[in-house]
């Protein structure tokens, strides 16, 4: 059984995925409009990609679409940190998924021993 996996985001990050044999879809300079980004992700879904890695910068613009598919079995849209400014979107998304799966916030700072 072959699972189609795609990576979508900034060109520099896509090189890592390409080296792993994942189909990459790097952003071009003119790609930035939310509607264009949504069209690209929906096209990947229509083409049968079951796992789609999206960089955090892109995911911020696609939050509505990512939430729309968050309750679906396929595709699994995985947000990864990008090269740009960190804003913890990927961590918040992961935390939300873990709470949903486990029923508790196992990533809370108290539970993982993080001191402020």
PDB file of N, CA and C in Angstrom:
ATOM      1  N   UNK A   1       0.829  -1.162   0.000  1.00  0.00           N
ATOM      2  CA  UNK A   1       0.000   0.000   0.000  1.00  0.00           C
ATOM      3  C   UNK A   1       0.885   1.241   0.000  1.00  0.00           C
ATOM      4  N   UNK A   2       0.683   2.107  -0.966  1.00  0.00           N
ATOM      5  CA  UNK A   2       1.473   3.324  -1.069  1.00  0.00           C
ATOM      6  C   UNK A   2       0.675   4.509  -0.576  1.00  0.00           C
ATOM      7  N   UNK A   3       1.258   5.233   0.353  1.00  0.00           N
ATOM      8  CA  UNK A   3       0.641   6.450   0.862  1.00  0.00           C
ATOM      9  C   UNK A   3       1.302   7.630   0.181  1.00  0.00           C
ATOM     10  N   UNK A   4       0.486   8.479  -0.405  1.00  0.00           N
ATOM     11  CA  UNK A   4       1.024   9.669  -1.051  1.00  0.00           C
ATOM     12  C   UNK A   4       1.251  10.743   0.009  1.00  0.00           C
ATOM     13  N   UNK A   5       2.494  11.256   0.040  1.00  0.00           N
ATOM     14  CA  UNK A   5       2.866  12.268   1.018  1.00  0.00           C
ATOM     15  C   UNK A   5       3.386  13.491   0.280  1.00  0.00           C
ATOM     16  N   UNK A   6       2.926  14.664   0.719  1.00  0.00           N
ATOM     17  CA  UNK A   6       3.347  15.921   0.104  1.00  0.00           C
ATOM     18  C   UNK A   6       3.875  16.864   1.179  1.00  0.00           C
ATOM     19  N   UNK A   7       4.737  17.767   0.755  1.00  0.00           N
ATOM     20  CA  UNK A   7       5.215  18.845   1.625  1.00  0.00           C
ATOM     21  C   UNK A   7       5.001  20.148   0.871  1.00  0.00           C
ATOM     22  N   UNK A   8       4.475  21.143   1.585  1.00  0.00           N
ATOM     23  CA  UNK A   8       4.067  22.399   0.961  1.00  0.00           C
ATOM     24  C   UNK A   8       4.566  23.552   1.822  1.00  0.00           C
ATOM     25  N   UNK A   9       5.400  24.410   1.248  1.00  0.00           N
ATOM     26  CA  UNK A   9       5.902  25.537   2.024  1.00  0.00           C
ATOM     27  C   UNK A   9       7.101  26.196   1.386  1.00  0.00           C
ATOM     28  N   UNK A  10       7.880  26.867   2.210  1.00  0.00           N
ATOM     29  CA  UNK A  10       9.036  27.602   1.713  1.00  0.00           C
ATOM     30  C   UNK A  10      10.055  26.660   1.070  1.00  0.00           C
ATOM     31  N   UNK A  11      10.644  27.150   0.007  1.00  0.00           N
ATOM     32  CA  UNK A  11      11.544  26.346  -0.830  1.00  0.00           C
ATOM     33  C   UNK A  11      12.691  25.704  -0.038  1.00  0.00           C
ATOM     34  N   UNK A  12      13.319  26.448   0.863  1.00  0.00           N
ATOM     35  CA  UNK A  12      14.472  25.919   1.599  1.00  0.00           C
ATOM     36  C   UNK A  12      14.110  24.718   2.465  1.00  0.00           C
ATOM     37  N   UNK A  13      12.947  24.741   3.065  1.00  0.00           N
ATOM     38  CA  UNK A  13      12.494  23.622   3.899  1.00  0.00           C
ATOM     39  C   UNK A  13      12.149  22.416   3.025  1.00  0.00           C
ATOM     40  N   UNK A  14      11.632  22.664   1.847  1.00  0.00           N
ATOM     41  CA  UNK A  14      11.193  21.583   0.959  1.00  0.00           C
ATOM     42  C   UNK A  14      12.352  20.683   0.536  1.00  0.00           C
ATOM     43  N   UNK A  15      13.566  21.204   0.518  1.00  0.00           N
ATOM     44  CA  UNK A  15      14.723  20.395   0.135  1.00  0.00           C
ATOM     45  C   UNK A  15      14.904  19.204   1.072  1.00  0.00           C
ATOM     46  N   UNK A  16      14.602  19.390   2.338  1.00  0.00           N
ATOM     47  CA  UNK A  16      14.716  18.294   3.314  1.00  0.00           C
ATOM     48  C   UNK A  16      13.739  17.176   2.958  1.00  0.00           C
ATOM     49  N   UNK A  17      12.513  17.534   2.633  1.00  0.00           N
ATOM     50  CA  UNK A  17      11.502  16.541   2.294  1.00  0.00           C
ATOM     51  C   UNK A  17      11.818  15.855   0.972  1.00  0.00           C
ATOM     52  N   UNK A  18      12.326  16.623   0.035  1.00  0.00           N
ATOM     53  CA  UNK A  18      12.671  16.053  -1.272  1.00  0.00           C
ATOM     54  C   UNK A  18      13.738  14.983  -1.107  1.00  0.00           C
ATOM     55  N   UNK A  19      14.700  15.232  -0.224  1.00  0.00           N
ATOM     56  CA  UNK A  19      15.766  14.246  -0.003  1.00  0.00           C
ATOM     57  C   UNK A  19      15.223  12.963   0.619  1.00  0.00           C
ATOM     58  N   UNK A  20      14.046  13.053   1.255  1.00  0.00           N
ATOM     59  CA  UNK A  20      13.420  11.874   1.855  1.00  0.00           C
ATOM     60  C   UNK A  20      12.453  11.180   0.891  1.00  0.00           C
ATOM     61  N   UNK A  21      12.373  11.695  -0.342  1.00  0.00           N
ATOM     62  CA  UNK A  21      11.517  11.068  -1.336  1.00  0.00           C
ATOM     63  C   UNK A  21      10.070  11.497  -1.298  1.00  0.00           C
ATOM     64  N   UNK A  22       9.785  12.569  -0.586  1.00  0.00           N
ATOM     65  CA  UNK A  22       8.418  13.100  -0.476  1.00  0.00           C
ATOM     66  C   UNK A  22       8.185  14.084  -1.611  1.00  0.00           C
ATOM     67  N   UNK A  23       6.986  14.078  -2.170  1.00  0.00           N
ATOM     68  CA  UNK A  23       6.642  15.034  -3.227  1.00  0.00           C
ATOM     69  C   UNK A  23       6.584  16.431  -2.616  1.00  0.00           C
ATOM     70  N   UNK A  24       7.345  17.354  -3.190  1.00  0.00           N
ATOM     71  CA  UNK A  24       7.400  18.705  -2.629  1.00  0.00           C
ATOM     72  C   UNK A  24       6.743  19.716  -3.553  1.00  0.00           C
ATOM     73  N   UNK A  25       6.137  20.714  -2.919  1.00  0.00           N
ATOM     74  CA  UNK A  25       5.458  21.788  -3.632  1.00  0.00           C
ATOM     75  C   UNK A  25       5.898  23.107  -3.000  1.00  0.00           C
ATOM     76  N   UNK A  26       7.076  23.590  -3.432  1.00  0.00           N
ATOM     77  CA  UNK A  26       7.594  24.825  -2.838  1.00  0.00           C
ATOM     78  C   UNK A  26       6.789  26.040  -3.266  1.00  0.00           C
ATOM     79  N   UNK A  27       6.713  26.986  -2.362  1.00  0.00           N
ATOM     80  CA  UNK A  27       6.030  28.241  -2.664  1.00  0.00           C
ATOM     81  C   UNK A  27       6.920  29.099  -3.548  1.00  0.00           C
ATOM     82  N   UNK A  28       6.289  29.815  -4.435  1.00  0.00           N
ATOM     83  CA  UNK A  28       7.012  30.793  -5.226  1.00  0.00           C
ATOM     84  C   UNK A  28       6.789  32.153  -4.591  1.00  0.00           C
ATOM     85  N   UNK A  29       7.562  33.125  -5.011  1.00  0.00           N
ATOM     86  CA  UNK A  29       7.465  34.469  -4.434  1.00  0.00           C
ATOM     87  C   UNK A  29       6.069  35.058  -4.569  1.00  0.00           C
ATOM     88  N   UNK A  30       5.380  34.744  -5.670  1.00  0.00           N
ATOM     89  CA  UNK A  30       4.067  35.347  -5.911  1.00  0.00           C
ATOM     90  C   UNK A  30       2.920  34.590  -5.244  1.00  0.00           C
ATOM     91  N   UNK A  31       3.229  33.475  -4.593  1.00  0.00           N
ATOM     92  CA  UNK A  31       2.187  32.716  -3.906  1.00  0.00           C
ATOM     93  C   UNK A  31       2.099  33.207  -2.480  1.00  0.00           C
ATOM     94  N   UNK A  32       1.002  33.767  -2.130  1.00  0.00           N
ATOM     95  CA  UNK A  32       0.865  34.277  -0.782  1.00  0.00           C
ATOM     96  C   UNK A  32      -0.574  34.584  -0.440  1.00  0.00           C
ATOM     97  N   UNK A  33      -1.391  34.732  -1.466  1.00  0.00           N
ATOM     98  CA  UNK A  33      -2.815  34.978  -1.238  1.00  0.00           C
ATOM     99  C   UNK A  33      -3.448  33.732  -0.632  1.00  0.00           C
ATOM    100  N   UNK A  34      -4.286  33.939   0.359  1.00  0.00           N
ATOM    101  CA  UNK A  34      -4.922  32.817   1.040  1.00  0.00           C
ATOM    102  C   UNK A  34      -5.711  31.952   0.063  1.00  0.00           C
ATOM    103  N   UNK A  35      -6.444  32.570  -0.842  1.00  0.00           N
ATOM    104  CA  UNK A  35      -7.246  31.793  -1.785  1.00  0.00           C
ATOM    105  C   UNK A  35      -6.362  30.913  -2.670  1.00  0.00           C
ATOM    106  N   UNK A  36      -5.201  31.420  -3.076  1.00  0.00           N
ATOM    107  CA  UNK A  36      -4.289  30.622  -3.905  1.00  0.00           C
ATOM    108  C   UNK A  36      -3.710  29.456  -3.106  1.00  0.00           C
ATOM    109  N   UNK A  37      -3.348  29.721  -1.862  1.00  0.00           N
ATOM    110  CA  UNK A  37      -2.809  28.658  -1.012  1.00  0.00           C
ATOM    111  C   UNK A  37      -3.855  27.579  -0.774  1.00  0.00           C
ATOM    112  N   UNK A  38      -5.091  27.980  -0.512  1.00  0.00           N
ATOM    113  CA  UNK A  38      -6.171  27.017  -0.306  1.00  0.00           C
ATOM    114  C   UNK A  38      -6.390  26.171  -1.557  1.00  0.00           C
ATOM    115  N   UNK A  39      -6.359  26.789  -2.717  1.00  0.00           N
ATOM    116  CA  UNK A  39      -6.532  26.048  -3.971  1.00  0.00           C
ATOM    117  C   UNK A  39      -5.448  25.000  -4.131  1.00  0.00           C
ATOM    118  N   UNK A  40      -4.210  25.361  -3.789  1.00  0.00           N
ATOM    119  CA  UNK A  40      -3.105  24.417  -3.932  1.00  0.00           C
ATOM    120  C   UNK A  40      -3.258  23.222  -2.993  1.00  0.00           C
ATOM    121  N   UNK A  41      -3.646  23.488  -1.750  1.00  0.00           N
ATOM    122  CA  UNK A  41      -3.814  22.387  -0.796  1.00  0.00           C
ATOM    123  C   UNK A  41      -4.999  21.510  -1.204  1.00  0.00           C
ATOM    124  N   UNK A  42      -6.099  22.115  -1.606  1.00  0.00           N
ATOM    125  CA  UNK A  42      -7.263  21.335  -2.050  1.00  0.00           C
ATOM    126  C   UNK A  42      -6.928  20.484  -3.268  1.00  0.00           C
ATOM    127  N   UNK A  43      -6.067  20.989  -4.142  1.00  0.00           N
ATOM    128  CA  UNK A  43      -5.650  20.211  -5.307  1.00  0.00           C
ATOM    129  C   UNK A  43      -4.842  18.986  -4.862  1.00  0.00           C
ATOM    130  N   UNK A  44      -3.968  19.167  -3.872  1.00  0.00           N
ATOM    131  CA  UNK A  44      -3.206  18.031  -3.347  1.00  0.00           C
ATOM    132  C   UNK A  44      -4.149  16.982  -2.761  1.00  0.00           C
ATOM    133  N   UNK A  45      -5.171  17.430  -2.068  1.00  0.00           N
ATOM    134  CA  UNK A  45      -6.149  16.512  -1.479  1.00  0.00           C
ATOM    135  C   UNK A  45      -6.889  15.757  -2.583  1.00  0.00           C
ATOM    136  N   UNK A  46      -7.297  16.463  -3.624  1.00  0.00           N
ATOM    137  CA  UNK A  46      -8.002  15.827  -4.746  1.00  0.00           C
ATOM    138  C   UNK A  46      -7.109  14.825  -5.466  1.00  0.00           C
ATOM    139  N   UNK A  47      -5.807  15.078  -5.466  1.00  0.00           N
ATOM    140  CA  UNK A  47      -4.867  14.168  -6.127  1.00  0.00           C
ATOM    141  C   UNK A  47      -4.538  12.953  -5.266  1.00  0.00           C
ATOM    142  N   UNK A  48      -5.134  12.880  -4.074  1.00  0.00           N
ATOM    143  CA  UNK A  48      -4.990  11.685  -3.255  1.00  0.00           C
ATOM    144  C   UNK A  48      -3.867  11.699  -2.235  1.00  0.00           C
ATOM    145  N   UNK A  49      -3.318  12.859  -1.937  1.00  0.00           N
ATOM    146  CA  UNK A  49      -2.283  12.916  -0.904  1.00  0.00           C
ATOM    147  C   UNK A  49      -2.945  12.719   0.450  1.00  0.00           C
ATOM    148  N   UNK A  50      -2.416  11.751   1.218  1.00  0.00           N
ATOM    149  CA  UNK A  50      -3.017  11.414   2.499  1.00  0.00           C
ATOM    150  C   UNK A  50      -2.342  12.125   3.665  1.00  0.00           C
ATOM    151  N   UNK A  51      -1.079  12.474   3.489  1.00  0.00           N
ATOM    152  CA  UNK A  51      -0.346  13.235   4.495  1.00  0.00           C
ATOM    153  C   UNK A  51       0.232  14.454   3.794  1.00  0.00           C
ATOM    154  N   UNK A  52      -0.052  15.625   4.359  1.00  0.00           N
ATOM    155  CA  UNK A  52       0.450  16.864   3.774  1.00  0.00           C
ATOM    156  C   UNK A  52       1.153  17.654   4.868  1.00  0.00           C
ATOM    157  N   UNK A  53       2.468  17.816   4.731  1.00  0.00           N
ATOM    158  CA  UNK A  53       3.234  18.647   5.644  1.00  0.00           C
ATOM    159  C   UNK A  53       3.144  20.083   5.150  1.00  0.00           C
ATOM    160  N   UNK A  54       2.826  21.006   6.042  1.00  0.00           N
ATOM    161  CA  UNK A  54       2.681  22.416   5.700  1.00  0.00           C
ATOM    162  C   UNK A  54       3.526  23.220   6.681  1.00  0.00           C
ATOM    163  N   UNK A  55       4.320  24.137   6.159  1.00  0.00           N
ATOM    164  CA  UNK A  55       5.129  24.953   7.058  1.00  0.00           C
ATOM    165  C   UNK A  55       4.243  25.913   7.853  1.00  0.00           C
ATOM    166  N   UNK A  56       4.734  26.286   9.011  1.00  0.00           N
ATOM    167  CA  UNK A  56       3.981  27.115   9.947  1.00  0.00           C
ATOM    168  C   UNK A  56       3.549  28.444   9.326  1.00  0.00           C
ATOM    169  N   UNK A  57       4.414  29.035   8.533  1.00  0.00           N
ATOM    170  CA  UNK A  57       4.091  30.310   7.894  1.00  0.00           C
ATOM    171  C   UNK A  57       2.867  30.178   6.999  1.00  0.00           C
ATOM    172  N   UNK A  58       2.811  29.105   6.239  1.00  0.00           N
ATOM    173  CA  UNK A  58       1.681  28.843   5.352  1.00  0.00           C
ATOM    174  C   UNK A  58       0.452  28.453   6.167  1.00  0.00           C
ATOM    175  N   UNK A  59       0.666  27.652   7.199  1.00  0.00           N
ATOM    176  CA  UNK A  59      -0.447  27.165   8.019  1.00  0.00           C
ATOM    177  C   UNK A  59      -1.213  28.303   8.684  1.00  0.00           C
ATOM    178  N   UNK A  60      -0.509  29.343   9.063  1.00  0.00           N
ATOM    179  CA  UNK A  60      -1.193  30.494   9.669  1.00  0.00           C
ATOM    180  C   UNK A  60      -2.240  31.058   8.721  1.00  0.00           C
ATOM    181  N   UNK A  61      -1.938  31.079   7.447  1.00  0.00           N
ATOM    182  CA  UNK A  61      -2.870  31.603   6.449  1.00  0.00           C
ATOM    183  C   UNK A  61      -3.979  30.600   6.140  1.00  0.00           C
ATOM    184  N   UNK A  62      -3.710  29.333   6.418  1.00  0.00           N
ATOM    185  CA  UNK A  62      -4.668  28.273   6.082  1.00  0.00           C
ATOM    186  C   UNK A  62      -5.376  27.704   7.314  1.00  0.00           C
ATOM    187  N   UNK A  63      -5.395  28.453   8.390  1.00  0.00           N
ATOM    188  CA  UNK A  63      -5.955  27.947   9.642  1.00  0.00           C
ATOM    189  C   UNK A  63      -7.369  27.407   9.467  1.00  0.00           C
ATOM    190  N   UNK A  64      -8.221  28.137   8.768  1.00  0.00           N
ATOM    191  CA  UNK A  64      -9.607  27.700   8.579  1.00  0.00           C
ATOM    192  C   UNK A  64      -9.654  26.355   7.856  1.00  0.00           C
ATOM    193  N   UNK A  65      -8.863  26.205   6.807  1.00  0.00           N
ATOM    194  CA  UNK A  65      -8.838  24.965   6.035  1.00  0.00           C
ATOM    195  C   UNK A  65      -8.274  23.811   6.868  1.00  0.00           C
ATOM    196  N   UNK A  66      -7.228  24.082   7.623  1.00  0.00           N
ATOM    197  CA  UNK A  66      -6.629  23.045   8.469  1.00  0.00           C
ATOM    198  C   UNK A  66      -7.629  22.568   9.517  1.00  0.00           C
ATOM    199  N   UNK A  67      -8.344  23.495  10.124  1.00  0.00           N
ATOM    200  CA  UNK A  67      -9.363  23.116  11.114  1.00  0.00           C
ATOM    201  C   UNK A  67     -10.502  22.325  10.464  1.00  0.00           C
ATOM    202  N   UNK A  68     -10.830  22.676   9.223  1.00  0.00           N
ATOM    203  CA  UNK A  68     -11.884  21.974   8.491  1.00  0.00           C
ATOM    204  C   UNK A  68     -11.546  20.495   8.325  1.00  0.00           C
ATOM    205  N   UNK A  69     -10.284  20.201   8.064  1.00  0.00           N
ATOM    206  CA  UNK A  69      -9.862  18.822   7.857  1.00  0.00           C
ATOM    207  C   UNK A  69      -9.363  18.139   9.125  1.00  0.00           C
ATOM    208  N   UNK A  70      -9.317  18.840  10.241  1.00  0.00           N
ATOM    209  CA  UNK A  70      -8.750  18.268  11.467  1.00  0.00           C
ATOM    210  C   UNK A  70      -9.552  17.087  12.000  1.00  0.00           C
ATOM    211  N   UNK A  71     -10.835  17.008  11.695  1.00  0.00           N
ATOM    212  CA  UNK A  71     -11.657  15.898  12.166  1.00  0.00           C
ATOM    213  C   UNK A  71     -11.766  14.760  11.154  1.00  0.00           C
ATOM    214  N   UNK A  72     -11.120  14.933  10.013  1.00  0.00           N
ATOM    215  CA  UNK A  72     -11.152  13.910   8.968  1.00  0.00           C
ATOM    216  C   UNK A  72      -9.989  12.936   9.158  1.00  0.00           C
ATOM    217  N   UNK A  73     -10.206  11.692   8.784  1.00  0.00           N
ATOM    218  CA  UNK A  73      -9.139  10.702   8.854  1.00  0.00           C
ATOM    219  C   UNK A  73      -8.063  11.020   7.811  1.00  0.00           C
ATOM    220  N   UNK A  74      -8.519  11.365   6.625  1.00  0.00           N
ATOM    221  CA  UNK A  74      -7.594  11.724   5.547  1.00  0.00           C
ATOM    222  C   UNK A  74      -8.086  12.987   4.889  1.00  0.00           C
ATOM    223  N   UNK A  75      -7.246  13.873   4.555  1.00  0.00           N
ATOM    224  CA  UNK A  75      -5.802  13.853   4.711  1.00  0.00           C
ATOM    225  C   UNK A  75      -5.414  14.287   6.114  1.00  0.00           C
ATOM    226  N   UNK A  76      -4.223  13.927   6.495  1.00  0.00           N
ATOM    227  CA  UNK A  76      -3.653  14.408   7.736  1.00  0.00           C
ATOM    228  C   UNK A  76      -2.753  15.585   7.367  1.00  0.00           C
ATOM    229  N   UNK A  77      -3.126  16.766   7.824  1.00  0.00           N
ATOM    230  CA  UNK A  77      -2.328  17.958   7.538  1.00  0.00           C
ATOM    231  C   UNK A  77      -1.467  18.226   8.769  1.00  0.00           C
ATOM    232  N   UNK A  78      -0.164  18.096   8.583  1.00  0.00           N
ATOM    233  CA  UNK A  78       0.788  18.217   9.677  1.00  0.00           C
ATOM    234  C   UNK A  78       1.535  19.542   9.545  1.00  0.00           C
ATOM    235  N   UNK A  79       1.433  20.375  10.566  1.00  0.00           N
ATOM    236  CA  UNK A  79       2.101  21.674  10.548  1.00  0.00           C
ATOM    237  C   UNK A  79       3.503  21.523  11.130  1.00  0.00           C
ATOM    238  N   UNK A  80       4.481  22.016  10.382  1.00  0.00           N
ATOM    239  CA  UNK A  80       5.875  21.941  10.819  1.00  0.00           C
ATOM    240  C   UNK A  80       6.461  23.347  10.924  1.00  0.00           C
ATOM    241  N   UNK A  81       7.430  23.537  11.803  1.00  0.00           N
ATOM    242  CA  UNK A  81       8.075  24.853  11.884  1.00  0.00           C
ATOM    243  C   UNK A  81       8.777  25.176  10.571  1.00  0.00           C
ATOM    244  N   UNK A  82       8.761  26.437  10.203  1.00  0.00           N
ATOM    245  CA  UNK A  82       9.437  26.879   8.988  1.00  0.00           C
ATOM    246  C   UNK A  82      10.683  27.661   9.322  1.00  0.00           C
ATOM    247  N   UNK A  83      11.196  28.360   8.339  1.00  0.00           N
ATOM    248  CA  UNK A  83      12.400  29.149   8.539  1.00  0.00           C
ATOM    249  C   UNK A  83      12.111  30.544   9.070  1.00  0.00           C
ATOM    250  N   UNK A  84      10.882  30.984   8.938  1.00  0.00           N
ATOM    251  CA  UNK A  84      10.520  32.332   9.345  1.00  0.00           C
ATOM    252  C   UNK A  84      10.409  32.472  10.848  1.00  0.00           C
ATOM    253  N   UNK A  85       9.822  33.556  11.246  1.00  0.00           N
ATOM    254  CA  UNK A  85       9.623  33.846  12.664  1.00  0.00           C
ATOM    255  C   UNK A  85       8.747  32.770  13.304  1.00  0.00           C
ATOM    256  N   UNK A  86       9.160  32.285  14.455  1.00  0.00           N
ATOM    257  CA  UNK A  86       8.404  31.260  15.169  1.00  0.00           C
ATOM    258  C   UNK A  86       7.241  31.907  15.893  1.00  0.00           C
ATOM    259  N   UNK A  87       6.063  31.288  15.781  1.00  0.00           N
ATOM    260  CA  UNK A  87       4.894  31.832  16.458  1.00  0.00           C
ATOM    261  C   UNK A  87       4.124  30.744  17.200  1.00  0.00           C
ATOM    262  N   UNK A  88       4.705  29.573  17.335  1.00  0.00           N
ATOM    263  CA  UNK A  88       4.140  28.459  18.092  1.00  0.00           C
ATOM    264  C   UNK A  88       2.837  27.903  17.529  1.00  0.00           C
ATOM    265  N   UNK A  89       2.509  28.211  16.284  1.00  0.00           N
ATOM    266  CA  UNK A  89       1.294  27.666  15.681  1.00  0.00           C
ATOM    267  C   UNK A  89       1.376  26.141  15.631  1.00  0.00           C
ATOM    268  N   UNK A  90       2.528  25.607  15.232  1.00  0.00           N
ATOM    269  CA  UNK A  90       2.680  24.152  15.126  1.00  0.00           C
ATOM    270  C   UNK A  90       2.506  23.487  16.497  1.00  0.00           C
ATOM    271  N   UNK A  91       3.074  24.079  17.530  1.00  0.00           N
ATOM    272  CA  UNK A  91       2.959  23.519  18.882  1.00  0.00           C
ATOM    273  C   UNK A  91       1.514  23.579  19.380  1.00  0.00           C
ATOM    274  N   UNK A  92       0.830  24.696  19.131  1.00  0.00           N
ATOM    275  CA  UNK A  92      -0.576  24.808  19.555  1.00  0.00           C
ATOM    276  C   UNK A  92      -1.438  23.774  18.838  1.00  0.00           C
ATOM    277  N   UNK A  93      -1.167  23.550  17.556  1.00  0.00           N
ATOM    278  CA  UNK A  93      -1.913  22.557  16.781  1.00  0.00           C
ATOM    279  C   UNK A  93      -1.666  21.151  17.332  1.00  0.00           C
ATOM    280  N   UNK A  94      -0.417  20.850  17.633  1.00  0.00           N
ATOM    281  CA  UNK A  94      -0.067  19.547  18.190  1.00  0.00           C
ATOM    282  C   UNK A  94      -0.731  19.356  19.549  1.00  0.00           C
ATOM    283  N   UNK A  95      -0.691  20.385  20.371  1.00  0.00           N
ATOM    284  CA  UNK A  95      -1.318  20.310  21.700  1.00  0.00           C
ATOM    285  C   UNK A  95      -2.811  20.029  21.577  1.00  0.00           C
ATOM    286  N   UNK A  96      -3.478  20.728  20.655  1.00  0.00           N
ATOM    287  CA  UNK A  96      -4.920  20.537  20.444  1.00  0.00           C
ATOM    288  C   UNK A  96      -5.213  19.093  20.020  1.00  0.00           C
ATOM    289  N   UNK A  97      -4.374  18.533  19.146  1.00  0.00           N
ATOM    290  CA  UNK A  97      -4.567  17.155  18.676  1.00  0.00           C
ATOM    291  C   UNK A  97      -4.359  16.155  19.807  1.00  0.00           C
ATOM    292  N   UNK A  98      -3.364  16.405  20.653  1.00  0.00           N
ATOM    293  CA  UNK A  98      -3.091  15.497  21.768  1.00  0.00           C
ATOM    294  C   UNK A  98      -4.233  15.538  22.781  1.00  0.00           C
ATOM    295  N   UNK A  99      -4.713  16.729  23.089  1.00  0.00           N
ATOM    296  CA  UNK A  99      -5.842  16.842  24.024  1.00  0.00           C
ATOM    297  C   UNK A  99      -7.044  16.079  23.486  1.00  0.00           C
ATOM    298  N   UNK A 100      -7.278  16.206  22.192  1.00  0.00           N
ATOM    299  CA  UNK A 100      -8.400  15.509  21.567  1.00  0.00           C
ATOM    300  C   UNK A 100      -8.222  13.990  21.659  1.00  0.00           C
ATOM    301  N   UNK A 101      -7.009  13.508  21.424  1.00  0.00           N
ATOM    302  CA  UNK A 101      -6.750  12.070  21.411  1.00  0.00           C
ATOM    303  C   UNK A 101      -6.697  11.465  22.810  1.00  0.00           C
ATOM    304  N   UNK A 102      -6.072  12.182  23.744  1.00  0.00           N
ATOM    305  CA  UNK A 102      -5.824  11.633  25.069  1.00  0.00           C
ATOM    306  C   UNK A 102      -6.858  12.091  26.095  1.00  0.00           C
ATOM    307  N   UNK A 103      -7.415  13.264  25.860  1.00  0.00           N
ATOM    308  CA  UNK A 103      -8.387  13.801  26.799  1.00  0.00           C
ATOM    309  C   UNK A 103      -7.766  14.626  27.904  1.00  0.00           C
ATOM    310  N   UNK A 104      -6.463  14.879  27.797  1.00  0.00           N
ATOM    311  CA  UNK A 104      -5.771  15.689  28.807  1.00  0.00           C
ATOM    312  C   UNK A 104      -4.630  16.443  28.135  1.00  0.00           C
ATOM    313  N   UNK A 105      -4.232  17.537  28.750  1.00  0.00           N
ATOM    314  CA  UNK A 105      -3.140  18.338  28.207  1.00  0.00           C
ATOM    315  C   UNK A 105      -1.821  17.820  28.772  1.00  0.00           C
ATOM    316  N   UNK A 106      -1.267  16.800  28.146  1.00  0.00           N
ATOM    317  CA  UNK A 106      -0.018  16.213  28.634  1.00  0.00           C
ATOM    318  C   UNK A 106       1.193  17.074  28.285  1.00  0.00           C
ATOM    319  N   UNK A 107       0.978  18.123  27.509  1.00  0.00           N
ATOM    320  CA  UNK A 107       2.070  19.032  27.156  1.00  0.00           C
ATOM    321  C   UNK A 107       2.084  20.283  28.030  1.00  0.00           C
ATOM    322  N   UNK A 108       1.254  20.324  29.049  1.00  0.00           N
ATOM    323  CA  UNK A 108       1.238  21.520  29.889  1.00  0.00           C
ATOM    324  C   UNK A 108       2.601  21.685  30.534  1.00  0.00           C
ATOM    325  N   UNK A 109       2.959  22.915  30.788  1.00  0.00           N
ATOM    326  CA  UNK A 109       4.290  23.205  31.325  1.00  0.00           C
ATOM    327  C   UNK A 109       4.529  22.529  32.666  1.00  0.00           C
ATOM    328  N   UNK A 110       3.502  22.406  33.482  1.00  0.00           N
ATOM    329  CA  UNK A 110       3.663  21.749  34.773  1.00  0.00           C
ATOM    330  C   UNK A 110       3.988  20.264  34.594  1.00  0.00           C
ATOM    331  N   UNK A 111       3.342  19.620  33.623  1.00  0.00           N
ATOM    332  CA  UNK A 111       3.519  18.182  33.430  1.00  0.00           C
ATOM    333  C   UNK A 111       4.847  17.834  32.779  1.00  0.00           C
ATOM    334  N   UNK A 112       5.402  18.757  31.973  1.00  0.00           N
ATOM    335  CA  UNK A 112       6.661  18.444  31.306  1.00  0.00           C
ATOM    336  C   UNK A 112       7.850  19.086  32.032  1.00  0.00           C
ATOM    337  N   UNK A 113       7.584  19.724  33.155  1.00  0.00           N
ATOM    338  CA  UNK A 113       8.649  20.252  33.990  1.00  0.00           C
ATOM    339  C   UNK A 113       9.318  21.511  33.480  1.00  0.00           C
ATOM    340  N   UNK A 114       8.589  22.331  32.771  1.00  0.00           N
ATOM    341  CA  UNK A 114       9.146  23.576  32.269  1.00  0.00           C
ATOM    342  C   UNK A 114       8.898  24.670  33.295  1.00  0.00           C
ATOM    343  N   UNK A 115       9.942  25.352  33.663  1.00  0.00           N
ATOM    344  CA  UNK A 115       9.825  26.467  34.603  1.00  0.00           C
ATOM    345  C   UNK A 115       9.814  27.777  33.834  1.00  0.00           C
ATOM    346  N   UNK A 116       8.966  28.683  34.239  1.00  0.00           N
ATOM    347  CA  UNK A 116       8.918  29.998  33.597  1.00  0.00           C
ATOM    348  C   UNK A 116       9.953  30.913  34.188  1.00  0.00           C
TER     349      UNK A 116
END
